[in-house]
Amino acid sequence: MLRAPGPDQQDVEMAHPGFTPTQLAARAAYLLRGNDLGTMTSAAPRLYPHMWSWDAAFVAVGLAPLSVERAVIELDTLLSAQWKNGMIPHIVFANGVDGYFPGPARWECRLLAANAPDGPDTSGITQPPVHAIAVQRILDHSRRHGRSTRAVAEEFLNRRWADLVRWHRWLAHARDPLGSGRITLYHGWESGMDNSPRWDRAYGNVRPGDLPPYRREDVLVVADPTQRPTDREYDRYLWLVEQMRRARYDDDALSSTMDFAVEDVFVTAIFALACEVLGQIGEEYHQAKSDTRELFGWAERFRAGVIATTDARTGAARDYDTRLQRWITTETLAMFAPLISGGLPRATESNLLRLFEGPRFCGHPDLRYALPPSTSPVSKDFRPREYWRGPVWPVMSWLFSWVFAHRGWAERSYMLRAEALRQASDGSFAEYYEPFTGEPLGSMQQSWTAASVLDWLG
């Protein structure tokens, strides 16, 4: 039985005037139980009825204060679908569950990919490597319980350590083909920020050929077209899937044949942080020294890769399009990648923090809550209702709040948490929110939104 954690009085004040923190935590725990498919949690019951990779990591973060054992099962299920080359796929499909496109029949990974797992059906791409953070949160919570719970968490770490290192090793080698110290993506979906303005020019270079017919499922759930990517964008998304299928998902073939190949500075920053966190876990729990040395080496290399993209004055980071051989400069959350990875000179880092907290992002005077919108409200690309082109995503607020706490910026972390809990106090647990009105958008009952709330309140 999952139990909702208890709040303190400050949290009661933060959540006013919606649900109190006690009520909000109970609703969040109830939501995760309702989305529980047994050994995996659906990302959202109607729109995303399967397991998504980075969703699963955030879900495990939210499950940990309720049940360390159930959080371990979540990551175990995900890692059981790991590919033979080390990749963690972005979707693990639940048996007997329909209602999502593209599904297993479109990917055909088990038929086409030599490295696909023998077990569950998966997609053929990956997602941001936030999983080390989830492992750390599981271990943190296990220490607050008895010996048996600590034993469950530590047994999981020992059993899955090699898989986690193998995942990081695959990213460090297969996804840095140019040796730039930045992670290359072959599909915008791999960033988690599917239709961000970051990818507009790169997608413009994608010329769809003959596509098999398809019917989108997302627009049947979210009927308002202003909240979702367009059909034209979907044609490009599916053409990239078709190119991957033709390459049989081979790492070397993808690097030379894909129309879309972008060095993602935000995913790279997450990877640098994840390597650092996993290395610290390895040292604390006496894992192989060769593994921890490798992890810290990757953290340093990819942190340097992030910093090499930055503006010398503001510290803002950029992506790099390897097909068009040009930098991608946009006013999106990606520009704050160095706040996640670290590595900036102190004065430049202060400038970037001022930009994050200032009127172009969290401090914009028209925002309902002082939280980071996915695209700056002053950008020409800003669209307040459309997916990653403007709305506020609670999971991004959680990530920055956690990183700020990790880096010792306690007051900044607390303020993001306080504002995010005010936003979430409506109890809808929406996928994302309109930044000016606070209207919940996208799918409701989103697991990772509930998980973020549970971690904040736990």
Protein backbone atom coordinates (compact mmCIF):
# COMPACT_ATOMS: atom_id res chain seq x y z
CA MET A 1 0.00 0.00 0.00
CA LEU A 2 1.45 3.40 -1.03
CA ARG A 3 1.26 6.15 1.58
CA ALA A 4 1.33 9.85 0.80
CA PRO A 5 4.00 11.75 2.75
CA GLY A 6 3.06 14.45 5.23
CA PRO A 7 3.69 18.18 4.56
CA ASP A 8 4.96 20.97 6.80
CA GLN A 9 3.17 24.25 7.50
CA GLN A 10 5.22 26.21 4.94
CA ASP A 11 4.04 23.81 2.25
CA VAL A 12 0.42 24.41 3.35
CA GLU A 13 0.89 28.10 2.70
CA MET A 14 2.60 27.46 -0.66
CA ALA A 15 -0.21 25.33 -2.01
CA HIS A 16 -3.01 27.80 -1.12
CA PRO A 17 -5.63 28.45 -2.57
CA GLY A 18 -6.02 25.05 -4.25
CA PHE A 19 -5.62 21.70 -2.58
CA THR A 20 -3.62 21.67 0.63
CA PRO A 21 -0.32 19.80 0.48
CA THR A 22 -1.83 16.88 2.40
CA GLN A 23 -4.61 16.62 -0.17
CA LEU A 24 -2.22 17.23 -3.07
CA ALA A 25 0.18 14.51 -1.92
CA ALA A 26 -2.69 12.07 -1.47
CA ARG A 27 -4.03 12.86 -4.96
CA ALA A 28 -0.55 12.45 -6.46
CA ALA A 29 -0.04 9.09 -4.77
CA TYR A 30 -3.51 7.99 -5.89
CA LEU A 31 -2.70 9.04 -9.46
CA LEU A 32 0.50 6.97 -9.54
CA ARG A 33 -1.39 3.97 -8.19
CA GLY A 34 -4.03 4.45 -10.88
CA ASN A 35 -1.38 4.66 -13.62
CA ASP A 36 0.46 1.59 -12.28
CA LEU A 37 0.40 -1.28 -14.80
CA GLY A 38 2.00 -3.73 -12.38
CA THR A 39 5.71 -3.44 -13.06
CA MET A 40 5.65 -0.16 -14.98
CA THR A 41 3.80 3.13 -14.73
CA SER A 42 2.13 4.59 -17.80
CA ALA A 43 3.31 8.12 -18.48
CA ALA A 44 -0.34 9.23 -18.79
CA PRO A 45 -3.28 6.83 -19.07
CA ARG A 46 -4.86 8.16 -22.26
CA LEU A 47 -2.19 10.00 -24.24
CA TYR A 48 0.92 8.01 -23.20
CA PRO A 49 -0.24 4.56 -22.07
CA HIS A 50 3.25 2.95 -22.04
CA MET A 51 6.57 3.50 -20.21
CA TRP A 52 8.80 6.35 -21.38
CA SER A 53 12.46 6.33 -20.38
CA TRP A 54 12.95 9.68 -18.70
CA ASP A 55 9.37 9.64 -17.44
CA ALA A 56 10.19 6.36 -15.68
CA ALA A 57 13.18 7.95 -13.96
CA PHE A 58 11.08 10.85 -12.68
CA VAL A 59 8.30 8.45 -11.68
CA ALA A 60 10.83 6.49 -9.64
CA VAL A 61 11.79 9.75 -7.92
CA GLY A 62 8.15 10.26 -6.93
CA LEU A 63 7.64 6.66 -5.90
CA ALA A 64 10.71 6.58 -3.66
CA PRO A 65 9.16 8.53 -0.73
CA LEU A 66 6.11 6.25 -0.92
CA SER A 67 7.77 2.89 -1.51
CA VAL A 68 11.45 2.34 -2.22
CA GLU A 69 10.60 -1.20 -3.29
CA ARG A 70 8.12 -0.01 -5.94
CA ALA A 71 10.58 2.63 -7.19
CA VAL A 72 13.17 -0.12 -7.66
CA ILE A 73 10.68 -2.18 -9.68
CA GLU A 74 10.10 0.81 -11.99
CA LEU A 75 13.79 1.14 -12.87
CA ASP A 76 14.22 -2.64 -13.02
CA THR A 77 11.50 -2.84 -15.65
CA LEU A 78 13.11 -0.10 -17.70
CA LEU A 79 16.57 -1.64 -17.49
CA SER A 80 15.17 -5.04 -18.46
CA ALA A 81 14.39 -3.46 -21.85
CA GLN A 82 17.95 -2.16 -22.32
CA TRP A 83 19.43 -2.92 -25.72
CA LYS A 84 22.44 -5.19 -26.09
CA ASN A 85 24.61 -2.22 -27.09
CA GLY A 86 23.69 -0.39 -23.85
CA MET A 87 21.00 1.96 -25.14
CA ILE A 88 17.94 2.52 -22.96
CA PRO A 89 15.05 2.97 -25.43
CA HIS A 90 12.70 5.90 -25.14
CA ILE A 91 9.55 3.70 -25.02
CA VAL A 92 8.98 0.30 -23.45
CA PHE A 93 5.62 -0.90 -24.74
CA ALA A 94 3.17 -2.44 -22.30
CA ASN A 95 1.83 -5.81 -23.45
CA GLY A 96 -1.74 -5.70 -24.69
CA VAL A 97 -2.03 -1.91 -24.48
CA ASP A 98 -3.01 0.01 -27.62
CA GLY A 99 -3.76 3.67 -28.15
CA TYR A 100 -0.36 5.11 -29.07
CA PHE A 101 1.25 5.85 -32.42
CA PRO A 102 3.88 4.98 -33.52
CA GLY A 103 3.61 1.61 -31.80
CA PRO A 104 5.72 -1.56 -32.01
CA ALA A 105 4.48 -2.42 -35.52
CA ARG A 106 5.86 0.86 -36.86
CA TRP A 107 9.25 0.56 -35.14
CA GLU A 108 9.75 -3.20 -35.77
CA CYS A 109 12.88 -3.14 -33.63
CA ARG A 110 12.94 -6.85 -32.79
CA LEU A 111 12.73 -7.70 -36.49
CA LEU A 112 15.25 -5.13 -37.76
CA ALA A 113 17.73 -4.33 -34.99
CA ALA A 114 20.44 -6.80 -33.99
CA ASN A 115 20.78 -5.05 -30.61
CA ALA A 116 17.10 -4.93 -29.69
CA PRO A 117 16.17 -6.81 -26.51
CA ASP A 118 14.63 -10.26 -26.66
CA GLY A 119 11.97 -9.32 -24.13
CA PRO A 120 9.52 -6.40 -24.40
CA ASP A 121 8.87 -4.38 -27.55
CA THR A 122 10.60 -1.01 -27.57
CA SER A 123 11.15 2.02 -29.75
CA GLY A 124 14.48 2.45 -31.54
CA ILE A 125 15.64 5.77 -30.12
CA THR A 126 16.65 7.05 -26.70
CA GLN A 127 15.89 9.91 -24.26
CA PRO A 128 17.77 12.15 -21.77
CA PRO A 129 19.85 10.15 -19.23
CA VAL A 130 18.35 11.39 -15.97
CA HIS A 131 18.31 7.92 -14.40
CA ALA A 132 21.29 8.40 -12.08
CA ILE A 133 19.33 11.10 -10.28
CA ALA A 134 16.51 8.60 -9.70
CA VAL A 135 18.98 6.04 -8.34
CA GLN A 136 20.36 8.62 -5.94
CA ARG A 137 16.87 9.57 -4.71
CA ILE A 138 16.04 5.88 -4.15
CA LEU A 139 19.21 5.42 -2.12
CA ASP A 140 18.53 8.62 -0.16
CA HIS A 141 15.05 7.48 0.81
CA SER A 142 16.19 3.94 1.62
CA ARG A 143 18.48 5.34 4.33
CA ARG A 144 15.44 6.71 6.14
CA HIS A 145 13.97 3.22 6.51
CA GLY A 146 14.95 -0.03 8.15
CA ARG A 147 17.64 -2.50 7.19
CA SER A 148 15.42 -4.49 4.83
CA THR A 149 14.52 -1.43 2.71
CA ARG A 150 18.15 -0.34 2.56
CA ALA A 151 19.04 -3.85 1.48
CA VAL A 152 16.53 -3.71 -1.39
CA ALA A 153 18.03 -0.45 -2.69
CA GLU A 154 21.62 -1.61 -2.35
CA GLU A 155 20.90 -4.99 -3.94
CA PHE A 156 19.33 -3.15 -6.88
CA LEU A 157 22.41 -0.94 -7.23
CA ASN A 158 24.79 -3.92 -7.13
CA ARG A 159 22.66 -5.90 -9.59
CA ARG A 160 22.15 -3.04 -12.05
CA TRP A 161 25.42 -1.17 -11.68
CA ALA A 162 26.98 -2.72 -14.79
CA ASP A 163 23.83 -1.89 -16.81
CA LEU A 164 23.89 1.73 -15.71
CA VAL A 165 27.57 2.09 -16.59
CA ARG A 166 26.96 0.35 -19.91
CA TRP A 167 24.18 2.89 -20.65
CA HIS A 168 26.55 5.77 -19.97
CA ARG A 169 29.33 4.15 -21.99
CA TRP A 170 27.03 3.78 -25.01
CA LEU A 171 26.13 7.47 -24.87
CA ALA A 172 29.77 8.51 -24.47
CA HIS A 173 30.90 6.51 -27.50
CA ALA A 174 28.01 5.80 -29.91
CA ARG A 175 26.50 9.25 -29.51
CA ASP A 176 29.67 11.33 -29.72
CA PRO A 177 30.84 10.19 -33.16
CA LEU A 178 32.78 13.42 -33.83
CA GLY A 179 34.51 13.44 -30.44
CA SER A 180 33.15 16.91 -29.64
CA GLY A 181 32.14 16.07 -26.08
CA ARG A 182 28.47 16.56 -26.98
CA ILE A 183 25.67 14.02 -27.38
CA THR A 184 24.36 13.69 -30.94
CA LEU A 185 20.65 13.06 -31.47
CA TYR A 186 19.12 11.64 -34.65
CA HIS A 187 15.55 12.59 -33.84
CA GLY A 188 14.07 15.54 -31.94
CA TRP A 189 12.10 13.05 -29.87
CA GLU A 190 15.40 11.95 -28.31
CA SER A 191 15.71 15.37 -26.67
CA GLY A 192 12.36 15.00 -24.93
CA MET A 193 11.56 18.48 -26.31
CA ASP A 194 9.94 17.18 -29.47
CA ASN A 195 8.90 20.35 -31.32
CA SER A 196 11.13 22.92 -29.63
CA PRO A 197 12.20 25.87 -31.82
CA ARG A 198 15.69 24.44 -31.34
CA TRP A 199 14.95 21.93 -34.08
CA ASP A 200 13.15 24.11 -36.66
CA ARG A 201 16.06 24.44 -39.08
CA ALA A 202 17.25 20.89 -38.57
CA TYR A 203 13.75 19.59 -39.34
CA GLY A 204 13.65 21.90 -42.33
CA ASN A 205 16.48 19.80 -43.73
CA VAL A 206 14.32 16.65 -43.46
CA ARG A 207 12.56 15.92 -46.76
CA PRO A 208 10.01 13.15 -46.22
CA GLY A 209 9.81 10.52 -48.94
CA ASP A 210 6.98 8.06 -49.40
CA LEU A 211 5.54 7.33 -45.98
CA PRO A 212 3.21 4.45 -45.21
CA PRO A 213 -0.21 5.82 -44.20
CA TYR A 214 -0.74 6.59 -40.54
CA ARG A 215 -3.28 7.93 -38.10
CA ARG A 216 -2.20 10.06 -35.16
CA GLU A 217 -3.54 9.07 -31.75
CA ASP A 218 -2.44 12.20 -29.84
CA VAL A 219 -4.94 14.53 -31.53
CA LEU A 220 -7.77 12.19 -30.55
CA VAL A 221 -6.91 12.80 -26.89
CA VAL A 222 -5.86 16.47 -27.05
CA ALA A 223 -8.38 17.91 -29.49
CA ASP A 224 -7.04 21.49 -29.45
CA PRO A 225 -4.51 21.59 -32.35
CA THR A 226 -2.73 24.60 -30.87
CA GLN A 227 -1.33 22.34 -28.12
CA ARG A 228 0.24 19.70 -30.36
CA PRO A 229 2.80 19.44 -33.19
CA THR A 230 1.38 19.87 -36.69
CA ASP A 231 0.79 17.12 -39.27
CA ARG A 232 3.68 18.50 -41.29
CA GLU A 233 5.95 18.11 -38.29
CA TYR A 234 4.68 14.56 -37.79
CA ASP A 235 5.54 13.66 -41.39
CA ARG A 236 9.12 14.64 -40.64
CA TYR A 237 9.14 12.75 -37.35
CA LEU A 238 7.97 9.60 -39.09
CA TRP A 239 10.36 9.99 -42.00
CA LEU A 240 13.24 9.93 -39.50
CA VAL A 241 11.80 6.73 -38.03
CA GLU A 242 11.66 5.32 -41.55
CA GLN A 243 15.32 6.23 -42.11
CA MET A 244 16.24 4.45 -38.88
CA ARG A 245 14.33 1.38 -39.92
CA ARG A 246 16.20 1.30 -43.25
CA ALA A 247 19.48 1.60 -41.34
CA ARG A 248 18.29 -1.25 -39.09
CA TYR A 249 19.00 0.99 -36.10
CA ASP A 250 22.75 0.46 -36.48
CA ASP A 251 24.74 3.11 -34.61
CA ASP A 252 27.38 3.58 -37.32
CA ALA A 253 24.81 3.70 -40.11
CA LEU A 254 22.72 6.30 -38.27
CA SER A 255 25.68 8.64 -37.89
CA SER A 256 26.26 8.66 -41.65
CA THR A 257 22.75 8.45 -43.11
CA MET A 258 20.28 10.38 -40.96
CA ASP A 259 18.94 13.71 -42.26
CA PHE A 260 18.73 14.96 -38.66
CA ALA A 261 21.94 14.96 -36.59
CA VAL A 262 22.22 17.60 -33.86
CA GLU A 263 24.56 17.90 -30.90
CA ASP A 264 22.09 18.59 -28.08
CA VAL A 265 23.66 20.79 -25.43
CA PHE A 266 20.86 20.21 -22.89
CA VAL A 267 21.03 16.41 -23.09
CA THR A 268 24.82 16.73 -22.93
CA ALA A 269 24.57 18.77 -19.73
CA ILE A 270 22.24 16.18 -18.20
CA PHE A 271 24.70 13.46 -19.22
CA ALA A 272 27.65 15.28 -17.62
CA LEU A 273 25.64 15.68 -14.41
CA ALA A 274 24.46 12.06 -14.50
CA CYS A 275 28.02 10.78 -14.90
CA GLU A 276 29.08 12.87 -11.91
CA VAL A 277 26.15 11.65 -9.79
CA LEU A 278 26.64 8.00 -10.75
CA GLY A 279 30.37 8.29 -10.09
CA GLN A 280 29.66 9.65 -6.62
CA ILE A 281 27.24 6.79 -5.98
CA GLY A 282 29.87 4.33 -7.16
CA GLU A 283 32.45 5.73 -4.76
CA GLU A 284 30.06 5.76 -1.81
CA TYR A 285 28.87 2.20 -2.43
CA HIS A 286 32.28 0.76 -3.30
CA GLN A 287 31.70 -0.08 -6.94
CA ALA A 288 34.62 -0.81 -9.28
CA LYS A 289 37.15 2.03 -9.26
CA SER A 290 37.67 1.64 -13.00
CA ASP A 291 33.98 2.41 -13.53
CA THR A 292 33.97 5.48 -11.32
CA ARG A 293 37.13 6.81 -13.00
CA GLU A 294 35.45 6.38 -16.36
CA LEU A 295 32.29 8.12 -15.16
CA PHE A 296 34.16 11.11 -13.75
CA GLY A 297 36.18 11.29 -16.95
CA TRP A 298 33.01 11.45 -19.02
CA ALA A 299 31.56 14.08 -16.69
CA GLU A 300 34.60 16.29 -17.26
CA ARG A 301 34.69 15.71 -21.03
CA PHE A 302 31.01 16.41 -21.65
CA ARG A 303 30.94 19.35 -19.22
CA ALA A 304 33.72 20.88 -21.31
CA GLY A 305 31.66 20.13 -24.42
CA VAL A 306 28.78 22.17 -23.00
CA ILE A 307 30.99 25.09 -21.99
CA ALA A 308 32.57 25.19 -25.47
CA THR A 309 29.17 26.19 -26.90
CA THR A 310 28.55 29.14 -24.59
CA ASP A 311 28.50 32.88 -25.11
CA ALA A 312 31.48 34.37 -23.27
CA ARG A 313 29.42 37.15 -21.65
CA THR A 314 26.01 35.64 -20.89
CA GLY A 315 27.00 31.99 -20.54
CA ALA A 316 24.05 30.94 -22.75
CA ALA A 317 24.63 27.59 -24.50
CA ARG A 318 23.88 26.53 -28.08
CA ASP A 319 23.15 23.31 -29.95
CA TYR A 320 25.10 22.40 -33.09
CA ASP A 321 23.62 21.05 -36.31
CA THR A 322 26.22 18.68 -37.76
CA ARG A 323 24.40 18.33 -41.09
CA LEU A 324 24.08 22.05 -41.74
CA GLN A 325 27.35 22.73 -39.87
CA ARG A 326 25.95 25.68 -37.98
CA TRP A 327 25.23 26.68 -34.41
CA ILE A 328 21.63 26.79 -33.25
CA THR A 329 20.93 29.82 -31.08
CA THR A 330 17.45 29.92 -29.55
CA GLU A 331 15.89 31.39 -26.44
CA THR A 332 14.75 28.11 -24.92
CA LEU A 333 15.55 26.17 -21.77
CA ALA A 334 18.54 24.67 -23.58
CA MET A 335 20.48 27.90 -23.20
CA PHE A 336 20.65 27.19 -19.45
CA ALA A 337 22.45 23.86 -19.92
CA PRO A 338 25.58 25.13 -18.08
CA LEU A 339 23.52 25.61 -14.91
CA ILE A 340 22.92 21.85 -15.01
CA SER A 341 26.42 20.69 -15.96
CA GLY A 342 28.41 23.34 -14.13
CA GLY A 343 31.77 24.51 -15.42
CA LEU A 344 31.22 28.21 -16.15
CA PRO A 345 33.44 30.88 -14.60
CA ARG A 346 31.67 32.34 -11.58
CA ALA A 347 30.98 35.76 -13.11
CA THR A 348 29.57 34.24 -16.30
CA GLU A 349 27.47 31.80 -14.29
CA SER A 350 26.03 34.74 -12.34
CA ASN A 351 25.08 36.39 -15.63
CA LEU A 352 23.31 33.22 -16.77
CA LEU A 353 21.42 32.96 -13.48
CA ARG A 354 20.29 36.57 -13.87
CA LEU A 355 19.04 35.69 -17.35
CA PHE A 356 17.16 32.66 -15.98
CA GLU A 357 15.55 34.68 -13.19
CA GLY A 358 15.07 37.86 -15.21
CA PRO A 359 12.30 39.21 -17.46
CA ARG A 360 13.14 36.98 -20.43
CA PHE A 361 12.31 33.83 -18.45
CA CYS A 362 11.14 33.26 -14.86
CA GLY A 363 10.89 36.97 -14.06
CA HIS A 364 8.72 37.93 -17.04
CA PRO A 365 6.08 40.24 -15.54
CA ASP A 366 3.12 38.51 -17.23
CA LEU A 367 3.86 34.98 -15.99
CA ARG A 368 1.28 33.50 -13.65
CA TYR A 369 4.04 31.75 -11.69
CA ALA A 370 7.77 32.53 -11.57
CA LEU A 371 8.74 29.31 -13.35
CA PRO A 372 10.81 28.69 -16.48
CA PRO A 373 8.76 28.57 -19.70
CA SER A 374 10.08 26.16 -22.33
CA THR A 375 10.67 29.08 -24.73
CA SER A 376 11.22 32.70 -23.72
CA PRO A 377 8.03 34.78 -23.83
CA VAL A 378 9.96 37.51 -25.70
CA SER A 379 11.16 35.13 -28.43
CA LYS A 380 9.61 35.32 -31.89
CA ASP A 381 9.18 31.53 -31.66
CA PHE A 382 7.12 31.67 -28.47
CA ARG A 383 3.67 30.05 -28.57
CA PRO A 384 2.09 29.88 -25.12
CA ARG A 385 -0.06 26.79 -25.70
CA GLU A 386 2.04 24.62 -28.00
CA TYR A 387 3.96 21.84 -26.31
CA TRP A 388 7.68 22.78 -26.04
CA ARG A 389 7.29 26.17 -27.74
CA GLY A 390 6.24 28.12 -24.66
CA PRO A 391 4.32 26.27 -21.92
CA VAL A 392 5.74 25.67 -18.44
CA TRP A 393 6.56 22.01 -17.76
CA PRO A 394 6.47 21.02 -14.06
CA VAL A 395 9.10 18.34 -14.63
CA MET A 396 11.54 20.99 -15.89
CA SER A 397 10.82 23.09 -12.81
CA TRP A 398 11.61 19.98 -10.75
CA LEU A 399 14.86 19.33 -12.62
CA PHE A 400 16.17 22.86 -12.17
CA SER A 401 15.04 22.89 -8.53
CA TRP A 402 16.87 19.62 -7.88
CA VAL A 403 20.01 20.78 -9.69
CA PHE A 404 20.07 24.07 -7.81
CA ALA A 405 19.84 22.19 -4.50
CA HIS A 406 22.54 19.78 -5.67
CA ARG A 407 24.81 22.72 -6.45
CA GLY A 408 24.19 24.37 -3.08
CA TRP A 409 21.79 27.09 -4.21
CA ALA A 410 19.21 26.30 -1.55
CA GLU A 411 17.20 29.52 -1.74
CA ARG A 412 16.86 29.35 -5.52
CA SER A 413 15.82 25.72 -5.29
CA TYR A 414 13.24 26.53 -2.62
CA MET A 415 11.70 29.36 -4.63
CA LEU A 416 11.23 27.17 -7.71
CA ARG A 417 9.71 24.48 -5.53
CA ALA A 418 7.34 26.95 -3.86
CA GLU A 419 6.13 28.39 -7.17
CA ALA A 420 5.78 24.95 -8.75
CA LEU A 421 3.67 23.72 -5.85
CA ARG A 422 1.42 26.78 -6.20
CA GLN A 423 1.00 25.91 -9.88
CA ALA A 424 0.30 22.24 -9.14
CA SER A 425 -2.18 22.99 -6.36
CA ASP A 426 -5.06 22.82 -8.87
CA GLY A 427 -4.64 19.04 -8.64
CA SER A 428 -4.85 18.43 -12.40
CA PHE A 429 -1.23 17.16 -12.66
CA ALA A 430 -1.14 18.46 -16.21
CA GLU A 431 1.61 17.67 -18.69
CA TYR A 432 2.30 21.41 -19.10
CA TYR A 433 0.69 24.78 -18.28
CA GLU A 434 -0.08 27.98 -20.15
CA PRO A 435 2.51 30.39 -18.73
CA PHE A 436 0.34 33.52 -18.47
CA THR A 437 -2.99 32.11 -17.32
CA GLY A 438 -1.82 28.95 -15.56
CA GLU A 439 -4.32 26.87 -17.55
CA PRO A 440 -3.48 23.13 -17.46
CA LEU A 441 -2.69 21.83 -20.96
CA GLY A 442 -1.79 18.61 -22.74
CA SER A 443 -2.60 15.37 -21.01
CA MET A 444 -4.00 15.36 -17.51
CA GLN A 445 -3.00 12.80 -14.85
CA GLN A 446 0.60 12.98 -16.03
CA SER A 447 2.70 10.63 -13.92
CA TRP A 448 5.88 12.65 -13.85
CA THR A 449 4.01 15.78 -12.74
CA ALA A 450 2.53 13.85 -9.81
CA ALA A 451 5.97 12.40 -9.10
CA SER A 452 7.54 15.86 -9.01
CA VAL A 453 4.93 17.00 -6.48
CA LEU A 454 5.52 13.94 -4.30
CA ASP A 455 9.26 14.54 -4.23
CA TRP A 456 8.78 18.20 -3.35
CA LEU A 457 6.35 17.34 -0.56
CA GLY A 458 8.25 14.26 0.60
